[in-house]
């Protein structure tokens, strides 16, 4: 399933959306990391001691690293869907 683009009204900005179970990649200081989307975050929350400023207008995704098993929240713009 490819990442979907969502229109935000008259705004020309499009945001990628992901579904639970999607394999994604993101960049870290150690290089590219792969993981799986666990859920979409639409409210402020704490992930492994880190405060995440997610909201309905600016959601983030909870992803779990395939390498370390650790959970992290990422903005949609930081994630890339893997085939």
N, C-alpha and C. Protein backbone atom coordinates (compact mmCIF):
# COMPACT_ATOMS: atom_id res chain seq x y z
N UNK A 1 0.85 -1.17 0.00
CA UNK A 1 0.00 0.00 0.00
C UNK A 1 0.89 1.23 0.00
N UNK A 2 0.74 2.09 -0.96
CA UNK A 2 1.55 3.30 -1.07
C UNK A 2 1.06 4.36 -0.11
N UNK A 3 1.95 5.26 0.25
CA UNK A 3 1.56 6.37 1.11
C UNK A 3 0.52 7.21 0.38
N UNK A 4 -0.50 7.59 1.10
CA UNK A 4 -1.56 8.40 0.51
C UNK A 4 -1.27 9.87 0.77
N UNK A 5 -1.73 10.72 -0.12
CA UNK A 5 -1.60 12.16 0.07
C UNK A 5 -2.96 12.71 0.45
N UNK A 6 -2.97 13.63 1.39
CA UNK A 6 -4.22 14.21 1.86
C UNK A 6 -4.18 15.70 1.64
N UNK A 7 -5.22 16.24 1.04
CA UNK A 7 -5.32 17.67 0.81
C UNK A 7 -5.79 18.33 2.10
N UNK A 8 -5.31 19.52 2.36
CA UNK A 8 -5.72 20.25 3.56
C UNK A 8 -6.48 21.51 3.14
N UNK A 9 -7.58 21.32 2.43
CA UNK A 9 -8.39 22.45 2.00
C UNK A 9 -7.75 23.21 0.86
N UNK A 10 -7.70 24.54 0.99
CA UNK A 10 -7.12 25.38 -0.05
C UNK A 10 -5.60 25.36 -0.03
N UNK A 11 -5.04 24.86 1.04
CA UNK A 11 -3.59 24.78 1.17
C UNK A 11 -3.03 23.82 0.12
N UNK A 12 -1.92 24.16 -0.49
CA UNK A 12 -1.33 23.30 -1.50
C UNK A 12 -0.40 22.27 -0.89
N UNK A 13 -0.18 22.35 0.42
CA UNK A 13 0.67 21.38 1.11
C UNK A 13 -0.06 20.04 1.19
N UNK A 14 0.67 18.97 0.88
CA UNK A 14 0.08 17.63 0.99
C UNK A 14 0.90 16.85 2.00
N UNK A 15 0.18 16.10 2.80
CA UNK A 15 0.82 15.33 3.86
C UNK A 15 0.67 13.84 3.58
N UNK A 16 1.75 13.12 3.67
CA UNK A 16 1.69 11.68 3.50
C UNK A 16 1.02 11.07 4.72
N UNK A 17 0.21 10.06 4.50
CA UNK A 17 -0.40 9.33 5.60
C UNK A 17 0.00 7.87 5.51
N UNK A 18 0.07 7.24 6.64
CA UNK A 18 0.52 5.86 6.73
C UNK A 18 -0.49 5.07 7.55
N UNK A 19 -0.50 3.77 7.34
CA UNK A 19 -1.42 2.89 8.07
C UNK A 19 -0.63 1.96 8.99
N UNK A 20 -1.31 1.45 10.00
CA UNK A 20 -0.70 0.49 10.91
C UNK A 20 -0.14 -0.68 10.10
N UNK A 21 1.09 -1.05 10.39
CA UNK A 21 1.73 -2.16 9.70
C UNK A 21 2.58 -1.75 8.51
N UNK A 22 2.48 -0.50 8.06
CA UNK A 22 3.31 -0.03 6.95
C UNK A 22 4.77 -0.06 7.35
N UNK A 23 5.64 -0.56 6.47
CA UNK A 23 7.09 -0.50 6.68
C UNK A 23 7.56 0.86 6.17
N UNK A 24 8.32 1.56 7.01
CA UNK A 24 8.80 2.89 6.66
C UNK A 24 10.29 3.01 6.97
N UNK A 25 10.89 4.06 6.40
CA UNK A 25 12.30 4.37 6.67
C UNK A 25 12.37 5.83 7.10
N UNK A 26 13.40 6.14 7.90
CA UNK A 26 13.67 7.52 8.29
C UNK A 26 15.15 7.65 8.54
N UNK A 27 15.63 8.88 8.47
CA UNK A 27 17.05 9.14 8.66
C UNK A 27 17.36 9.42 10.12
N UNK A 28 18.49 8.88 10.59
CA UNK A 28 19.02 9.16 11.92
C UNK A 28 20.47 9.58 11.76
N UNK A 29 21.09 9.98 12.83
CA UNK A 29 22.51 10.36 12.76
C UNK A 29 23.39 9.15 12.42
N UNK A 30 22.87 7.93 12.66
CA UNK A 30 23.62 6.71 12.34
C UNK A 30 23.32 6.21 10.93
N UNK A 31 22.44 6.87 10.20
CA UNK A 31 22.06 6.45 8.86
C UNK A 31 20.58 6.13 8.80
N UNK A 32 20.16 5.51 7.71
CA UNK A 32 18.75 5.19 7.51
C UNK A 32 18.32 4.05 8.42
N UNK A 33 17.14 4.20 9.03
CA UNK A 33 16.57 3.19 9.90
C UNK A 33 15.23 2.76 9.34
N UNK A 34 14.90 1.48 9.51
CA UNK A 34 13.62 0.94 9.05
C UNK A 34 12.79 0.53 10.24
N UNK A 35 11.47 0.61 10.08
CA UNK A 35 10.58 0.19 11.14
C UNK A 35 9.17 0.01 10.63
N UNK A 36 8.25 -0.19 11.57
CA UNK A 36 6.85 -0.44 11.25
C UNK A 36 5.98 0.56 12.00
N UNK A 37 4.99 1.12 11.28
CA UNK A 37 4.04 2.05 11.89
C UNK A 37 3.13 1.27 12.83
N UNK A 38 3.02 1.75 14.07
CA UNK A 38 2.13 1.12 15.04
C UNK A 38 0.80 1.87 15.13
N UNK A 39 0.85 3.21 15.10
CA UNK A 39 -0.39 3.98 15.13
C UNK A 39 -0.12 5.46 14.84
N UNK A 40 -1.20 6.14 14.51
CA UNK A 40 -1.16 7.58 14.27
C UNK A 40 -1.42 8.28 15.60
N UNK A 41 -0.61 9.28 15.91
CA UNK A 41 -0.77 10.04 17.16
C UNK A 41 -1.43 11.37 16.84
N UNK A 42 -2.54 11.68 17.52
CA UNK A 42 -3.26 12.93 17.26
C UNK A 42 -3.46 13.76 18.52
N UNK A 43 -2.71 13.44 19.57
CA UNK A 43 -2.77 14.20 20.83
C UNK A 43 -1.40 14.15 21.48
N UNK A 44 -1.14 15.14 22.34
CA UNK A 44 0.14 15.15 23.07
C UNK A 44 0.27 13.86 23.85
N UNK A 45 1.47 13.31 23.82
CA UNK A 45 1.71 12.05 24.53
C UNK A 45 3.19 11.94 24.87
N UNK A 46 3.54 10.94 25.65
CA UNK A 46 4.92 10.69 26.02
C UNK A 46 5.32 9.32 25.48
N UNK A 47 6.43 9.27 24.76
CA UNK A 47 6.96 8.02 24.20
C UNK A 47 8.36 7.82 24.78
N UNK A 48 8.53 6.77 25.56
CA UNK A 48 9.82 6.44 26.18
C UNK A 48 10.48 7.67 26.81
N UNK A 49 9.68 8.44 27.56
CA UNK A 49 10.18 9.61 28.28
C UNK A 49 10.30 10.87 27.45
N UNK A 50 9.95 10.82 26.18
CA UNK A 50 10.03 11.99 25.30
C UNK A 50 8.62 12.52 25.04
N UNK A 51 8.41 13.83 25.28
CA UNK A 51 7.12 14.45 25.04
C UNK A 51 6.93 14.67 23.54
N UNK A 52 5.79 14.22 23.02
CA UNK A 52 5.47 14.34 21.60
C UNK A 52 4.34 15.33 21.45
N UNK A 53 4.56 16.39 20.67
CA UNK A 53 3.57 17.45 20.49
C UNK A 53 2.66 17.17 19.29
N UNK A 54 2.10 15.98 19.24
CA UNK A 54 1.19 15.64 18.15
C UNK A 54 -0.18 16.27 18.41
N UNK A 55 -0.91 16.52 17.33
CA UNK A 55 -2.27 17.05 17.43
C UNK A 55 -3.05 16.58 16.21
N UNK A 56 -4.35 16.84 16.20
CA UNK A 56 -5.16 16.45 15.04
C UNK A 56 -4.70 17.20 13.80
N UNK A 57 -4.28 18.45 13.97
CA UNK A 57 -3.83 19.26 12.83
C UNK A 57 -2.41 18.91 12.41
N UNK A 58 -1.60 18.44 13.35
CA UNK A 58 -0.21 18.07 13.06
C UNK A 58 0.08 16.71 13.68
N UNK A 59 -0.46 15.64 13.07
CA UNK A 59 -0.27 14.30 13.63
C UNK A 59 1.17 13.81 13.46
N UNK A 60 1.52 12.84 14.25
CA UNK A 60 2.79 12.15 14.11
C UNK A 60 2.49 10.66 14.13
N UNK A 61 3.49 9.85 13.81
CA UNK A 61 3.30 8.40 13.76
C UNK A 61 4.23 7.71 14.75
N UNK A 62 3.67 6.77 15.50
CA UNK A 62 4.45 5.94 16.39
C UNK A 62 5.00 4.80 15.56
N UNK A 63 6.33 4.72 15.48
CA UNK A 63 6.97 3.66 14.70
C UNK A 63 7.92 2.88 15.61
N UNK A 64 8.10 1.61 15.32
CA UNK A 64 9.00 0.77 16.10
C UNK A 64 10.14 0.33 15.20
N UNK A 65 11.37 0.60 15.63
CA UNK A 65 12.56 0.26 14.88
C UNK A 65 12.71 -1.25 14.75
N UNK A 66 12.99 -1.71 13.53
CA UNK A 66 13.22 -3.14 13.31
C UNK A 66 14.55 -3.58 13.92
N UNK A 67 15.49 -2.66 14.02
CA UNK A 67 16.82 -3.00 14.53
C UNK A 67 16.87 -3.04 16.05
N UNK A 68 16.33 -2.00 16.71
CA UNK A 68 16.45 -1.90 18.17
C UNK A 68 15.18 -2.28 18.92
N UNK A 69 14.05 -2.26 18.23
CA UNK A 69 12.78 -2.53 18.90
C UNK A 69 12.23 -1.36 19.67
N UNK A 70 12.92 -0.22 19.64
CA UNK A 70 12.48 0.96 20.37
C UNK A 70 11.41 1.71 19.58
N UNK A 71 10.51 2.36 20.33
CA UNK A 71 9.44 3.15 19.72
C UNK A 71 9.87 4.60 19.64
N UNK A 72 9.41 5.29 18.59
CA UNK A 72 9.68 6.70 18.41
C UNK A 72 8.53 7.33 17.64
N UNK A 73 8.33 8.62 17.82
CA UNK A 73 7.31 9.35 17.08
C UNK A 73 7.99 10.18 16.01
N UNK A 74 7.40 10.18 14.82
CA UNK A 74 7.96 10.95 13.70
C UNK A 74 6.86 11.68 12.96
N UNK A 75 7.20 12.87 12.47
CA UNK A 75 6.29 13.62 11.61
C UNK A 75 6.20 12.89 10.27
N UNK A 76 5.06 13.00 9.59
CA UNK A 76 4.90 12.31 8.31
C UNK A 76 6.00 12.68 7.29
N UNK A 77 6.45 13.92 7.32
CA UNK A 77 7.46 14.36 6.37
C UNK A 77 8.81 13.68 6.57
N UNK A 78 9.03 13.09 7.75
CA UNK A 78 10.30 12.42 8.04
C UNK A 78 10.29 10.95 7.62
N UNK A 79 9.11 10.44 7.27
CA UNK A 79 8.98 9.02 6.95
C UNK A 79 8.86 8.79 5.45
N UNK A 80 9.37 7.65 5.02
CA UNK A 80 9.27 7.23 3.62
C UNK A 80 8.76 5.81 3.61
N UNK A 81 7.72 5.55 2.82
CA UNK A 81 7.12 4.21 2.72
C UNK A 81 8.06 3.29 1.96
N UNK A 82 8.24 2.08 2.49
CA UNK A 82 9.04 1.06 1.83
C UNK A 82 8.12 0.08 1.12
N UNK A 83 8.62 -0.49 0.03
CA UNK A 83 7.81 -1.49 -0.71
C UNK A 83 7.78 -2.81 0.01
